Amino acid sequence: MSTDKELLELAAKAAGFWNYEFNCYEGPMSWNPLDKDGDALRLMVKCGLHIYFFLPNDDIGKPYTEVNRSIKECHDNDSYAATRHAVVRAAAEIGRKM
């Protein structure tokens, strides 16, 4: 299992804006799609991810990558956090394969 830092680095790589000077998690303008809805949305769009929610078990957000793989996250009463985590994990998988 990857740490949050590793997930963020791989997700940034997948989005095409990782470089050695890039710092995901420090400073006033930090990028953190694990915590920020807007950052997660931009990451999702940049990586071409799709999210599906299945009812009645709506506690699973499932972003699909371009190769039809899926990531599942249970929300534990925070569907926004689960969605952000699923987006970052899917993007990190893309970054890992680059």
Protein backbone atom coordinates (compact mmCIF):
# COMPACT_ATOMS: atom_id res chain seq x y z
CA MET A 1 0.00 0.00 0.00
CA SER A 2 1.28 3.46 -0.88
CA THR A 3 1.52 6.40 1.48
CA ASP A 4 -0.46 9.56 0.78
CA LYS A 5 2.76 11.25 -0.33
CA GLU A 6 3.50 8.49 -2.85
CA LEU A 7 -0.07 8.57 -4.15
CA LEU A 8 0.09 12.34 -4.63
CA GLU A 9 3.44 12.14 -6.43
CA LEU A 10 2.20 9.44 -8.80
CA ALA A 11 -1.08 11.30 -9.40
CA ALA A 12 0.84 14.49 -10.21
CA LYS A 13 2.99 12.52 -12.65
CA ALA A 14 -0.14 11.15 -14.35
CA ALA A 15 -1.56 14.67 -14.65
CA GLY A 16 1.63 15.82 -16.35
CA PHE A 17 2.79 18.40 -13.86
CA TRP A 18 5.30 16.56 -11.75
CA ASN A 19 8.90 17.70 -11.70
CA TYR A 20 11.62 17.64 -9.10
CA GLU A 21 10.78 21.15 -7.94
CA PHE A 22 7.09 20.38 -7.51
CA ASN A 23 5.90 20.06 -3.94
CA CYS A 24 2.41 18.67 -3.49
CA TYR A 25 1.82 19.25 0.16
CA GLU A 26 3.53 22.34 1.50
CA GLY A 27 2.95 26.05 1.30
CA PRO A 28 -0.11 28.26 0.93
CA MET A 29 -0.84 27.14 -2.64
CA SER A 30 -0.34 23.42 -1.99
CA TRP A 31 -1.96 20.89 -4.31
CA ASN A 32 -3.69 18.08 -2.44
CA PRO A 33 -6.55 16.29 -4.19
CA LEU A 34 -6.86 13.98 -1.18
CA ASP A 35 -8.16 16.95 0.84
CA LYS A 36 -9.38 19.48 -1.73
CA ASP A 37 -12.43 18.85 -3.91
CA GLY A 38 -11.30 21.30 -6.60
CA ASP A 39 -7.88 19.69 -6.90
CA ALA A 40 -9.50 16.24 -7.16
CA LEU A 41 -11.88 17.46 -9.87
CA ARG A 42 -9.05 18.99 -11.90
CA LEU A 43 -7.03 15.76 -11.51
CA MET A 44 -10.01 13.70 -12.65
CA VAL A 45 -10.48 15.85 -15.75
CA LYS A 46 -6.76 15.99 -16.56
CA CYS A 47 -6.47 12.18 -16.37
CA GLY A 48 -9.74 11.50 -18.18
CA LEU A 49 -11.28 9.57 -15.30
CA HIS A 50 -14.97 8.74 -14.96
CA ILE A 51 -16.82 8.29 -11.69
CA TYR A 52 -19.79 6.01 -11.19
CA PHE A 53 -21.86 5.65 -8.04
CA PHE A 54 -23.92 2.53 -7.64
CA LEU A 55 -27.23 2.59 -5.76
CA PRO A 56 -28.56 1.52 -3.37
CA ASN A 57 -25.03 0.89 -2.11
CA ASP A 58 -24.00 4.48 -2.77
CA ASP A 59 -20.99 4.22 -0.49
CA ILE A 60 -18.76 3.25 -3.40
CA GLY A 61 -17.24 5.79 -5.78
CA LYS A 62 -15.64 4.11 -8.75
CA PRO A 63 -13.42 6.09 -11.10
CA TYR A 64 -12.61 4.20 -14.26
CA THR A 65 -9.34 4.72 -16.07
CA GLU A 66 -8.99 4.56 -19.83
CA VAL A 67 -8.27 0.84 -19.54
CA ASN A 68 -11.54 0.12 -17.72
CA ARG A 69 -10.00 -0.61 -14.36
CA SER A 70 -11.83 0.46 -11.27
CA ILE A 71 -11.02 1.67 -7.78
CA LYS A 72 -13.53 1.27 -4.96
CA GLU A 73 -13.70 3.42 -1.83
CA CYS A 74 -16.19 3.07 1.01
CA HIS A 75 -17.12 6.48 2.33
CA ASP A 76 -17.70 5.94 6.07
CA ASN A 77 -20.23 8.80 6.02
CA ASP A 78 -17.96 11.04 3.91
CA SER A 79 -18.69 10.38 0.25
CA TYR A 80 -16.64 13.43 -0.77
CA ALA A 81 -13.49 12.05 0.88
CA ALA A 82 -14.09 8.63 -0.65
CA THR A 83 -14.45 10.18 -4.10
CA ARG A 84 -11.26 12.22 -3.70
CA HIS A 85 -9.35 9.14 -2.57
CA ALA A 86 -10.69 7.04 -5.44
CA VAL A 87 -9.68 9.73 -7.96
CA VAL A 88 -6.16 10.01 -6.51
CA ARG A 89 -5.71 6.24 -6.38
CA ALA A 90 -6.86 5.84 -10.00
CA ALA A 91 -4.56 8.66 -11.16
CA ALA A 92 -1.68 7.15 -9.17
CA GLU A 93 -2.16 3.86 -11.03
CA ILE A 94 -1.82 5.74 -14.31
CA GLY A 95 1.30 7.49 -13.00
CA ARG A 96 2.76 4.19 -11.81
CA LYS A 97 2.53 2.77 -15.34
CA MET A 98 4.21 5.77 -16.96
